[in-house]
Amino acid sequence: QSYLWNSIAAELVRERCGDGVVIEADDPFGNLLFPEASRIPPELTELNLPLLGRRTELIEPWRTSAARILGEEGIEVIDLHIPGLKKPFFGEASRQLFVEAAHFAIGNPQKDELDPKGQRFRSRIVLDLPRGSYATVALRALGQ
């Protein structure tokens, strides 16, 4: 589900944000794209994109992107189940496509005391994210 969600989100961002992609991060669950904030169209700023389940109805503005990704994977929404098992299952849940990291602060670089060679640095990062968001995604973008 995470792979499909990330792939659909990336396709949607590529399709709708045009040349505004400024950061692309590899992820085991699909590439992550981070567009320039000013290039995000209004219909995507508050968009809740569902994790697909077998009963998910593909709707705009993400229907075309989802259909393309599902086609590339050779599956349909109805295929999102494990035959013969009631659990685990692919439940539908929505996540915001874009969120704002509030109260963002990054400290000055300091020597990383965990690096035995003393060649690495660390910084303390503070941010607030809405419920259901992943700090690891924000950190991945910062690491690029």
Protein backbone atom coordinates (compact mmCIF):
# COMPACT_ATOMS: atom_id res chain seq x y z
CA GLN A 1 0.00 0.00 0.00
CA SER A 2 2.77 2.44 0.88
CA TYR A 3 4.54 1.74 -2.40
CA LEU A 4 1.36 2.33 -4.39
CA TRP A 5 0.54 5.50 -2.42
CA ASN A 6 4.05 6.91 -2.91
CA SER A 7 4.01 6.00 -6.61
CA ILE A 8 0.60 7.59 -7.18
CA ALA A 9 1.65 10.68 -5.22
CA ALA A 10 4.86 11.01 -7.26
CA GLU A 11 2.95 10.59 -10.53
CA LEU A 12 0.41 13.20 -9.44
CA VAL A 13 3.15 15.66 -8.45
CA ARG A 14 5.00 15.10 -11.76
CA GLU A 15 1.77 15.57 -13.69
CA ARG A 16 0.42 18.61 -11.84
CA CYS A 17 3.49 20.48 -10.55
CA GLY A 18 5.40 20.46 -13.83
CA ASP A 19 8.89 21.84 -13.58
CA GLY A 20 8.46 22.61 -9.90
CA VAL A 21 10.04 19.41 -8.55
CA VAL A 22 13.11 20.51 -6.64
CA ILE A 23 13.93 17.39 -4.62
CA GLU A 24 13.60 13.73 -5.51
CA ALA A 25 14.40 11.15 -2.85
CA ASP A 26 14.69 7.40 -3.33
CA ASP A 27 12.66 5.34 -0.92
CA PRO A 28 12.18 1.57 -0.65
CA PHE A 29 8.44 2.27 -0.90
CA GLY A 30 8.68 4.38 -4.08
CA ASN A 31 10.32 7.68 -5.04
CA LEU A 32 9.34 10.76 -3.09
CA LEU A 33 9.00 14.09 -4.90
CA PHE A 34 9.06 17.46 -3.18
CA PRO A 35 7.93 20.36 -5.39
CA GLU A 36 8.54 24.02 -4.88
CA ALA A 37 5.64 25.21 -2.69
CA SER A 38 4.66 27.97 -5.13
CA ARG A 39 4.20 25.35 -7.90
CA ILE A 40 1.62 23.27 -6.01
CA PRO A 41 -1.81 23.85 -7.56
CA PRO A 42 -4.60 24.82 -5.13
CA GLU A 43 -6.53 21.58 -5.71
CA LEU A 44 -3.57 19.60 -4.33
CA THR A 45 -2.66 21.69 -1.27
CA GLU A 46 -5.39 20.14 0.90
CA LEU A 47 -5.79 16.86 -1.00
CA ASN A 48 -6.30 13.69 1.00
CA LEU A 49 -4.97 10.81 -1.07
CA PRO A 50 -6.17 7.38 0.06
CA LEU A 51 -4.12 4.30 0.67
CA LEU A 52 -5.84 2.06 -1.84
CA GLY A 53 -8.08 -0.77 -0.71
CA ARG A 54 -10.14 -3.20 -2.78
CA ARG A 55 -13.22 -0.96 -2.55
CA THR A 56 -11.50 2.35 -3.29
CA GLU A 57 -13.18 4.36 -6.00
CA LEU A 58 -10.67 6.17 -8.20
CA ILE A 59 -11.71 9.83 -8.33
CA GLU A 60 -10.20 13.05 -9.61
CA PRO A 61 -7.85 14.74 -9.22
CA TRP A 62 -5.78 11.59 -8.63
CA ARG A 63 -7.74 9.03 -10.71
CA THR A 64 -5.55 9.28 -13.83
CA SER A 65 -2.33 8.94 -11.82
CA ALA A 66 -3.68 5.97 -9.86
CA ALA A 67 -4.92 4.21 -13.00
CA ARG A 68 -1.53 4.69 -14.65
CA ILE A 69 0.40 3.28 -11.66
CA LEU A 70 -1.98 0.35 -11.19
CA GLY A 71 -1.66 -0.39 -14.92
CA GLU A 72 2.14 -0.34 -14.71
CA GLU A 73 1.95 -2.79 -11.80
CA GLY A 74 -0.51 -4.99 -13.70
CA ILE A 75 -3.17 -4.85 -11.00
CA GLU A 76 -6.61 -3.39 -10.40
CA VAL A 77 -8.09 -2.06 -7.18
CA ILE A 78 -10.14 -5.25 -6.77
CA ASP A 79 -6.85 -7.20 -6.63
CA LEU A 80 -5.88 -5.51 -3.34
CA HIS A 81 -6.62 -8.42 -1.08
CA ILE A 82 -4.92 -11.59 0.03
CA PRO A 83 -7.03 -14.56 -1.13
CA GLY A 84 -8.21 -16.79 1.72
CA LEU A 85 -7.23 -14.36 4.49
CA LYS A 86 -9.40 -11.92 6.39
CA LYS A 87 -6.34 -10.38 8.03
CA PRO A 88 -4.08 -8.71 7.14
CA PHE A 89 -6.10 -6.67 4.69
CA PHE A 90 -5.65 -3.56 2.59
CA GLY A 91 -7.81 -1.06 4.45
CA GLU A 92 -8.44 2.32 2.91
CA ALA A 93 -7.16 5.31 4.83
CA SER A 94 -6.42 8.83 3.62
CA ARG A 95 -3.27 10.85 4.05
CA GLN A 96 -2.64 14.43 3.09
CA LEU A 97 -0.54 14.73 -0.04
CA PHE A 98 1.21 17.85 1.29
CA VAL A 99 1.69 18.96 4.88
CA GLU A 100 3.50 21.88 6.40
CA ALA A 101 6.24 21.33 8.93
CA ALA A 102 5.44 23.89 11.61
CA HIS A 103 7.91 25.37 14.07
CA PHE A 104 10.84 24.15 11.97
CA ALA A 105 14.29 24.81 13.41
CA ILE A 106 17.70 23.35 12.65
CA GLY A 107 20.66 23.75 14.95
CA ASN A 108 24.26 24.47 14.07
CA PRO A 109 26.35 21.49 12.92
CA GLN A 110 28.38 19.81 15.65
CA LYS A 111 30.84 16.94 15.62
CA ASP A 112 28.99 13.64 15.84
CA GLU A 113 30.27 11.91 18.97
CA LEU A 114 29.07 8.56 17.59
CA ASP A 115 31.48 8.77 14.64
CA PRO A 116 34.73 7.06 15.72
CA LYS A 117 36.71 8.84 12.97
CA GLY A 118 35.34 12.26 13.88
CA GLN A 119 34.50 13.08 10.25
CA ARG A 120 30.73 13.36 10.55
CA PHE A 121 28.58 16.13 11.89
CA ARG A 122 25.10 16.22 13.37
CA SER A 123 22.41 18.84 13.80
CA ARG A 124 19.34 18.92 15.96
CA ILE A 125 16.13 19.34 13.97
CA VAL A 126 12.81 20.31 15.52
CA LEU A 127 9.51 20.30 13.65
CA ASP A 128 5.83 19.68 14.22
CA LEU A 129 3.86 17.60 11.74
CA PRO A 130 0.14 16.85 11.58
CA ARG A 131 -1.09 13.50 12.81
CA GLY A 132 -0.49 10.71 10.29
CA SER A 133 2.57 12.40 8.79
CA TYR A 134 6.02 10.86 8.87
CA ALA A 135 9.04 12.74 10.15
CA THR A 136 11.25 10.31 8.23
CA VAL A 137 9.84 11.71 4.97
CA ALA A 138 10.72 15.27 6.00
CA LEU A 139 14.19 14.13 7.06
CA ARG A 140 14.68 12.31 3.76
CA ALA A 141 13.94 15.56 1.91
CA LEU A 142 16.40 17.44 4.11
CA GLY A 143 19.06 14.81 3.42
CA GLN A 144 18.93 15.32 -0.34
